[in-house]
Amino acid sequence: MGGEFLGQVTGAHGARVRLAIVSLADQTIELLEYQGLDRPSAPAKPFDPGFAHLALVVDDIDALLARIAAYGWMAQGTPQPIASGARAGTRVIYAVGPDGATIEFMQPPLVTVTTDPTS
């Protein structure tokens, strides 16, 4: 994709875009890779104004981090559990890809079901 359409929609005049559409959990996500533009010397950081990221809930955050490392993604530390609130016990981590994109991964705590032996 490119040309005048892309320039008018995004402001990225002269760029080309590789596009992938991913369907996940009844949602559709468009992934765009802009080509042919000057890039900032350093990627944006999660705390920079205007920064946005995608957060995904996963079943096994450790296995996922091992798998994405093979593709150049780096965890920004170690998964940390949320201490309190509605998501207490959920382990979270940001991972940064080779192009500077950031994805947050969240692993909810395991739910232990106990049965009452008297019932």
N, C-alpha and C. Protein backbone atom coordinates (compact mmCIF):
# COMPACT_ATOMS: atom_id res chain seq x y z
N MET A 1 0.86 -1.16 0.00
CA MET A 1 0.00 0.00 0.00
C MET A 1 0.90 1.22 0.00
N GLY A 2 0.46 2.27 -0.66
CA GLY A 2 1.24 3.50 -0.70
C GLY A 2 0.53 4.54 -1.52
N GLY A 3 1.30 5.45 -2.05
CA GLY A 3 0.76 6.46 -2.94
C GLY A 3 -0.01 7.56 -2.23
N GLU A 4 -0.80 8.28 -3.03
CA GLU A 4 -1.55 9.43 -2.54
C GLU A 4 -2.53 9.04 -1.44
N PHE A 5 -3.17 7.87 -1.57
CA PHE A 5 -4.11 7.41 -0.55
C PHE A 5 -3.45 7.37 0.82
N LEU A 6 -2.31 6.69 0.91
CA LEU A 6 -1.61 6.58 2.19
C LEU A 6 -1.18 7.94 2.71
N GLY A 7 -0.68 8.78 1.85
CA GLY A 7 -0.27 10.11 2.27
C GLY A 7 -1.43 10.93 2.82
N GLN A 8 -2.58 10.85 2.18
CA GLN A 8 -3.75 11.61 2.62
C GLN A 8 -4.31 11.06 3.94
N VAL A 9 -4.29 9.75 4.11
CA VAL A 9 -4.87 9.15 5.32
C VAL A 9 -3.94 9.31 6.52
N THR A 10 -2.64 9.07 6.33
CA THR A 10 -1.72 9.01 7.47
C THR A 10 -0.77 10.19 7.58
N GLY A 11 -0.61 10.94 6.52
CA GLY A 11 0.38 12.01 6.50
C GLY A 11 1.77 11.51 6.14
N ALA A 12 1.91 10.23 5.86
CA ALA A 12 3.21 9.62 5.51
C ALA A 12 3.39 9.67 3.99
N HIS A 13 3.56 10.89 3.45
CA HIS A 13 3.70 11.07 2.01
C HIS A 13 4.99 10.43 1.51
N GLY A 14 4.88 9.64 0.44
CA GLY A 14 6.03 8.98 -0.14
C GLY A 14 6.37 7.64 0.48
N ALA A 15 5.64 7.24 1.49
CA ALA A 15 5.92 5.96 2.16
C ALA A 15 5.22 4.81 1.45
N ARG A 16 5.72 3.62 1.73
CA ARG A 16 5.07 2.37 1.36
C ARG A 16 4.79 1.63 2.66
N VAL A 17 3.76 0.80 2.66
CA VAL A 17 3.40 0.07 3.87
C VAL A 17 3.21 -1.40 3.55
N ARG A 18 3.86 -2.24 4.36
CA ARG A 18 3.54 -3.68 4.36
C ARG A 18 2.47 -3.86 5.41
N LEU A 19 1.45 -4.64 5.07
CA LEU A 19 0.29 -4.80 5.93
C LEU A 19 0.04 -6.27 6.22
N ALA A 20 -0.23 -6.56 7.48
CA ALA A 20 -0.67 -7.91 7.87
C ALA A 20 -1.92 -7.72 8.72
N ILE A 21 -2.90 -8.57 8.51
CA ILE A 21 -4.13 -8.54 9.29
C ILE A 21 -4.18 -9.82 10.11
N VAL A 22 -4.31 -9.65 11.42
CA VAL A 22 -4.31 -10.78 12.35
C VAL A 22 -5.66 -10.83 13.04
N SER A 23 -6.28 -12.00 13.05
CA SER A 23 -7.52 -12.20 13.80
C SER A 23 -7.17 -12.95 15.07
N LEU A 24 -7.62 -12.41 16.19
CA LEU A 24 -7.28 -12.96 17.49
C LEU A 24 -8.45 -12.72 18.44
N ALA A 25 -9.00 -13.80 18.99
CA ALA A 25 -10.07 -13.70 19.98
C ALA A 25 -11.21 -12.83 19.48
N ASP A 26 -11.68 -13.11 18.28
CA ASP A 26 -12.78 -12.36 17.67
C ASP A 26 -12.48 -10.88 17.46
N GLN A 27 -11.20 -10.52 17.41
CA GLN A 27 -10.77 -9.16 17.14
C GLN A 27 -9.86 -9.19 15.91
N THR A 28 -9.83 -8.08 15.19
CA THR A 28 -8.95 -7.95 14.04
C THR A 28 -7.95 -6.84 14.33
N ILE A 29 -6.68 -7.14 14.12
CA ILE A 29 -5.61 -6.18 14.35
C ILE A 29 -4.85 -6.00 13.04
N GLU A 30 -4.66 -4.75 12.64
CA GLU A 30 -3.84 -4.45 11.48
C GLU A 30 -2.44 -4.11 11.96
N LEU A 31 -1.46 -4.77 11.38
CA LEU A 31 -0.06 -4.49 11.68
C LEU A 31 0.55 -3.82 10.45
N LEU A 32 1.11 -2.64 10.64
CA LEU A 32 1.66 -1.87 9.53
C LEU A 32 3.15 -1.66 9.70
N GLU A 33 3.90 -1.86 8.64
CA GLU A 33 5.33 -1.55 8.64
C GLU A 33 5.57 -0.49 7.57
N TYR A 34 5.87 0.73 8.01
CA TYR A 34 6.12 1.84 7.09
C TYR A 34 7.54 1.74 6.57
N GLN A 35 7.69 1.93 5.25
CA GLN A 35 9.00 1.88 4.60
C GLN A 35 9.19 3.14 3.77
N GLY A 36 10.44 3.53 3.61
CA GLY A 36 10.75 4.67 2.75
C GLY A 36 10.63 6.01 3.44
N LEU A 37 10.65 6.04 4.76
CA LEU A 37 10.58 7.30 5.51
C LEU A 37 11.83 7.46 6.36
N ASP A 38 12.19 8.70 6.64
CA ASP A 38 13.25 8.95 7.60
C ASP A 38 12.74 8.57 8.98
N ARG A 39 13.58 7.92 9.75
CA ARG A 39 13.21 7.46 11.09
C ARG A 39 13.91 8.30 12.14
N PRO A 40 13.28 8.45 13.31
CA PRO A 40 14.00 9.10 14.41
C PRO A 40 15.23 8.28 14.76
N SER A 41 16.24 8.94 15.34
CA SER A 41 17.47 8.23 15.67
C SER A 41 17.27 7.20 16.77
N ALA A 42 16.24 7.37 17.61
CA ALA A 42 15.96 6.42 18.68
C ALA A 42 14.47 6.14 18.71
N PRO A 43 14.07 4.89 18.94
CA PRO A 43 12.64 4.58 19.02
C PRO A 43 12.01 5.28 20.23
N ALA A 44 10.71 5.51 20.15
CA ALA A 44 9.97 6.10 21.26
C ALA A 44 9.98 5.14 22.45
N LYS A 45 9.89 5.70 23.64
CA LYS A 45 9.85 4.93 24.89
C LYS A 45 8.41 4.88 25.40
N PRO A 46 8.06 3.85 26.17
CA PRO A 46 6.68 3.73 26.66
C PRO A 46 6.19 4.93 27.47
N PHE A 47 7.10 5.74 27.98
CA PHE A 47 6.71 6.90 28.79
C PHE A 47 6.72 8.21 27.99
N ASP A 48 7.03 8.14 26.68
CA ASP A 48 7.01 9.34 25.85
C ASP A 48 5.57 9.75 25.55
N PRO A 49 5.30 11.07 25.49
CA PRO A 49 3.95 11.53 25.12
C PRO A 49 3.54 10.96 23.77
N GLY A 50 2.31 10.51 23.69
CA GLY A 50 1.76 9.97 22.44
C GLY A 50 2.08 8.52 22.18
N PHE A 51 2.89 7.90 23.03
CA PHE A 51 3.25 6.50 22.83
C PHE A 51 2.02 5.63 23.06
N ALA A 52 1.88 4.60 22.27
CA ALA A 52 0.79 3.63 22.45
C ALA A 52 1.38 2.24 22.34
N HIS A 53 0.75 1.28 23.02
CA HIS A 53 1.19 -0.10 22.91
C HIS A 53 -0.02 -1.02 22.99
N LEU A 54 0.19 -2.24 22.59
CA LEU A 54 -0.82 -3.28 22.63
C LEU A 54 -0.54 -4.15 23.85
N ALA A 55 -1.57 -4.53 24.57
CA ALA A 55 -1.42 -5.44 25.71
C ALA A 55 -2.20 -6.72 25.40
N LEU A 56 -1.54 -7.86 25.60
CA LEU A 56 -2.16 -9.15 25.32
C LEU A 56 -2.12 -10.02 26.57
N VAL A 57 -3.21 -10.73 26.83
CA VAL A 57 -3.26 -11.70 27.93
C VAL A 57 -2.76 -13.03 27.39
N VAL A 58 -1.82 -13.65 28.12
CA VAL A 58 -1.23 -14.91 27.69
C VAL A 58 -1.33 -15.94 28.81
N ASP A 59 -1.21 -17.21 28.45
CA ASP A 59 -1.30 -18.30 29.43
C ASP A 59 0.03 -18.57 30.13
N ASP A 60 1.15 -18.43 29.40
CA ASP A 60 2.46 -18.77 29.96
C ASP A 60 3.47 -17.71 29.52
N ILE A 61 3.64 -16.71 30.34
CA ILE A 61 4.48 -15.55 29.98
C ILE A 61 5.95 -15.94 29.81
N ASP A 62 6.43 -16.89 30.62
CA ASP A 62 7.84 -17.30 30.51
C ASP A 62 8.11 -18.01 29.19
N ALA A 63 7.22 -18.92 28.80
CA ALA A 63 7.38 -19.62 27.52
C ALA A 63 7.28 -18.64 26.36
N LEU A 64 6.37 -17.68 26.45
CA LEU A 64 6.21 -16.70 25.39
C LEU A 64 7.47 -15.85 25.24
N LEU A 65 8.04 -15.40 26.35
CA LEU A 65 9.27 -14.59 26.27
C LEU A 65 10.42 -15.37 25.65
N ALA A 66 10.52 -16.63 25.97
CA ALA A 66 11.57 -17.47 25.36
C ALA A 66 11.35 -17.59 23.86
N ARG A 67 10.10 -17.73 23.46
CA ARG A 67 9.79 -17.91 22.04
C ARG A 67 10.05 -16.64 21.24
N ILE A 68 9.63 -15.49 21.75
CA ILE A 68 9.79 -14.26 20.97
C ILE A 68 11.23 -13.76 20.95
N ALA A 69 12.05 -14.20 21.90
CA ALA A 69 13.46 -13.81 21.90
C ALA A 69 14.16 -14.27 20.63
N ALA A 70 13.73 -15.39 20.09
CA ALA A 70 14.31 -15.91 18.86
C ALA A 70 14.06 -14.98 17.67
N TYR A 71 13.09 -14.08 17.80
CA TYR A 71 12.76 -13.13 16.74
C TYR A 71 13.26 -11.72 17.04
N GLY A 72 14.12 -11.59 18.05
CA GLY A 72 14.72 -10.30 18.36
C GLY A 72 13.97 -9.46 19.38
N TRP A 73 12.93 -9.99 20.00
CA TRP A 73 12.18 -9.26 21.01
C TRP A 73 12.88 -9.41 22.36
N MET A 74 12.96 -8.30 23.11
CA MET A 74 13.64 -8.33 24.40
C MET A 74 12.71 -7.87 25.51
N ALA A 75 12.60 -8.71 26.55
CA ALA A 75 11.85 -8.31 27.74
C ALA A 75 12.57 -7.15 28.40
N GLN A 76 11.83 -6.25 29.01
CA GLN A 76 12.42 -5.06 29.63
C GLN A 76 12.75 -5.28 31.10
N GLY A 77 12.89 -6.50 31.50
CA GLY A 77 13.18 -6.87 32.88
C GLY A 77 12.67 -8.29 33.08
N THR A 78 12.08 -8.53 34.23
CA THR A 78 11.46 -9.83 34.49
C THR A 78 9.98 -9.60 34.79
N PRO A 79 9.12 -10.56 34.45
CA PRO A 79 7.70 -10.39 34.73
C PRO A 79 7.46 -10.11 36.22
N GLN A 80 6.62 -9.11 36.47
CA GLN A 80 6.34 -8.69 37.84
C GLN A 80 4.86 -8.89 38.15
N PRO A 81 4.55 -9.39 39.35
CA PRO A 81 3.14 -9.53 39.72
C PRO A 81 2.55 -8.19 40.16
N ILE A 82 1.33 -7.93 39.76
CA ILE A 82 0.61 -6.75 40.24
C ILE A 82 0.23 -7.02 41.69
N ALA A 83 0.52 -6.06 42.56
CA ALA A 83 0.41 -6.29 44.01
C ALA A 83 -1.02 -6.19 44.54
N SER A 84 -1.87 -5.36 43.95
CA SER A 84 -3.20 -5.19 44.52
C SER A 84 -4.19 -4.77 43.44
N GLY A 85 -5.45 -4.72 43.82
CA GLY A 85 -6.49 -4.29 42.89
C GLY A 85 -7.10 -5.45 42.13
N ALA A 86 -7.87 -5.09 41.14
CA ALA A 86 -8.63 -6.09 40.38
C ALA A 86 -7.74 -7.09 39.66
N ARG A 87 -6.52 -6.72 39.34
CA ARG A 87 -5.60 -7.63 38.62
C ARG A 87 -4.49 -8.14 39.52
N ALA A 88 -4.69 -8.14 40.81
CA ALA A 88 -3.66 -8.62 41.75
C ALA A 88 -3.22 -10.02 41.36
N GLY A 89 -1.91 -10.24 41.37
CA GLY A 89 -1.35 -11.54 41.03
C GLY A 89 -1.06 -11.72 39.55
N THR A 90 -1.59 -10.85 38.70
CA THR A 90 -1.30 -10.91 37.27
C THR A 90 0.15 -10.52 37.05
N ARG A 91 0.89 -11.34 36.32
CA ARG A 91 2.29 -11.03 35.99
C ARG A 91 2.31 -10.24 34.70
N VAL A 92 3.12 -9.16 34.68
CA VAL A 92 3.18 -8.28 33.52
C VAL A 92 4.62 -7.99 33.12
N ILE A 93 4.82 -7.73 31.83
CA ILE A 93 6.14 -7.37 31.31
C ILE A 93 5.94 -6.67 29.96
N TYR A 94 6.80 -5.71 29.66
CA TYR A 94 6.87 -5.11 28.33
C TYR A 94 7.99 -5.82 27.58
N ALA A 95 7.77 -6.04 26.30
CA ALA A 95 8.81 -6.57 25.41
C ALA A 95 8.94 -5.61 24.23
N VAL A 96 10.18 -5.36 23.81
CA VAL A 96 10.45 -4.45 22.71
C VAL A 96 11.02 -5.23 21.54
N GLY A 97 10.44 -5.00 20.37
CA GLY A 97 10.87 -5.70 19.17
C GLY A 97 12.06 -5.04 18.52
N PRO A 98 12.62 -5.68 17.50
CA PRO A 98 13.82 -5.16 16.85
C PRO A 98 13.61 -3.80 16.20
N ASP A 99 12.36 -3.44 15.91
CA ASP A 99 12.09 -2.13 15.32
C ASP A 99 11.64 -1.10 16.35
N GLY A 100 11.64 -1.48 17.64
CA GLY A 100 11.25 -0.56 18.70
C GLY A 100 9.80 -0.65 19.13
N ALA A 101 9.01 -1.47 18.45
CA ALA A 101 7.60 -1.64 18.86
C ALA A 101 7.56 -2.31 20.23
N THR A 102 6.57 -1.93 21.04
CA THR A 102 6.42 -2.47 22.38
C THR A 102 5.09 -3.18 22.52
N ILE A 103 5.12 -4.37 23.12
CA ILE A 103 3.91 -5.11 23.45
C ILE A 103 3.98 -5.46 24.93
N GLU A 104 2.87 -5.27 25.63
CA GLU A 104 2.77 -5.67 27.02
C GLU A 104 2.11 -7.04 27.08
N PHE A 105 2.67 -7.93 27.88
CA PHE A 105 2.08 -9.26 28.06
C PHE A 105 1.63 -9.38 29.51
N MET A 106 0.46 -9.98 29.69
CA MET A 106 -0.13 -10.13 31.02
C MET A 106 -0.56 -11.58 31.21
N GLN A 107 -0.11 -12.20 32.28
CA GLN A 107 -0.51 -13.57 32.61
C GLN A 107 -1.31 -13.54 33.91
N PRO A 108 -2.63 -13.77 33.82
CA PRO A 108 -3.44 -13.78 35.03
C PRO A 108 -3.01 -14.92 35.96
N PRO A 109 -3.26 -14.76 37.25
CA PRO A 109 -2.91 -15.84 38.17
C PRO A 109 -3.76 -17.07 37.89
N LEU A 110 -3.20 -18.23 38.22
CA LEU A 110 -3.97 -19.46 38.07
C LEU A 110 -5.10 -19.44 39.08
N VAL A 111 -6.23 -19.89 38.65
CA VAL A 111 -7.38 -19.98 39.56
C VAL A 111 -7.41 -21.39 40.10
N THR A 112 -7.33 -21.51 41.40
CA THR A 112 -7.36 -22.82 42.05
C THR A 112 -8.79 -23.11 42.49
N VAL A 113 -9.29 -24.21 42.01
CA VAL A 113 -10.65 -24.62 42.39
C VAL A 113 -10.53 -25.69 43.45
N THR A 114 -11.13 -25.43 44.57
CA THR A 114 -11.14 -26.43 45.64
C THR A 114 -12.54 -26.95 45.82
N THR A 115 -12.62 -28.18 46.15
CA THR A 115 -13.95 -28.76 46.40
C THR A 115 -14.07 -29.05 47.89
N ASP A 116 -15.25 -28.88 48.37
CA ASP A 116 -15.54 -29.12 49.78
C ASP A 116 -15.83 -30.61 49.92
N PRO A 117 -14.98 -31.34 50.65
CA PRO A 117 -15.18 -32.79 50.77
C PRO A 117 -16.46 -33.14 51.55
N THR A 118 -17.05 -32.16 52.19
CA THR A 118 -18.28 -32.46 52.95
C THR A 118 -19.53 -32.29 52.10
N SER A 119 -19.38 -31.80 50.88
CA SER A 119 -20.59 -31.60 50.09
C SER A 119 -20.83 -32.72 49.12
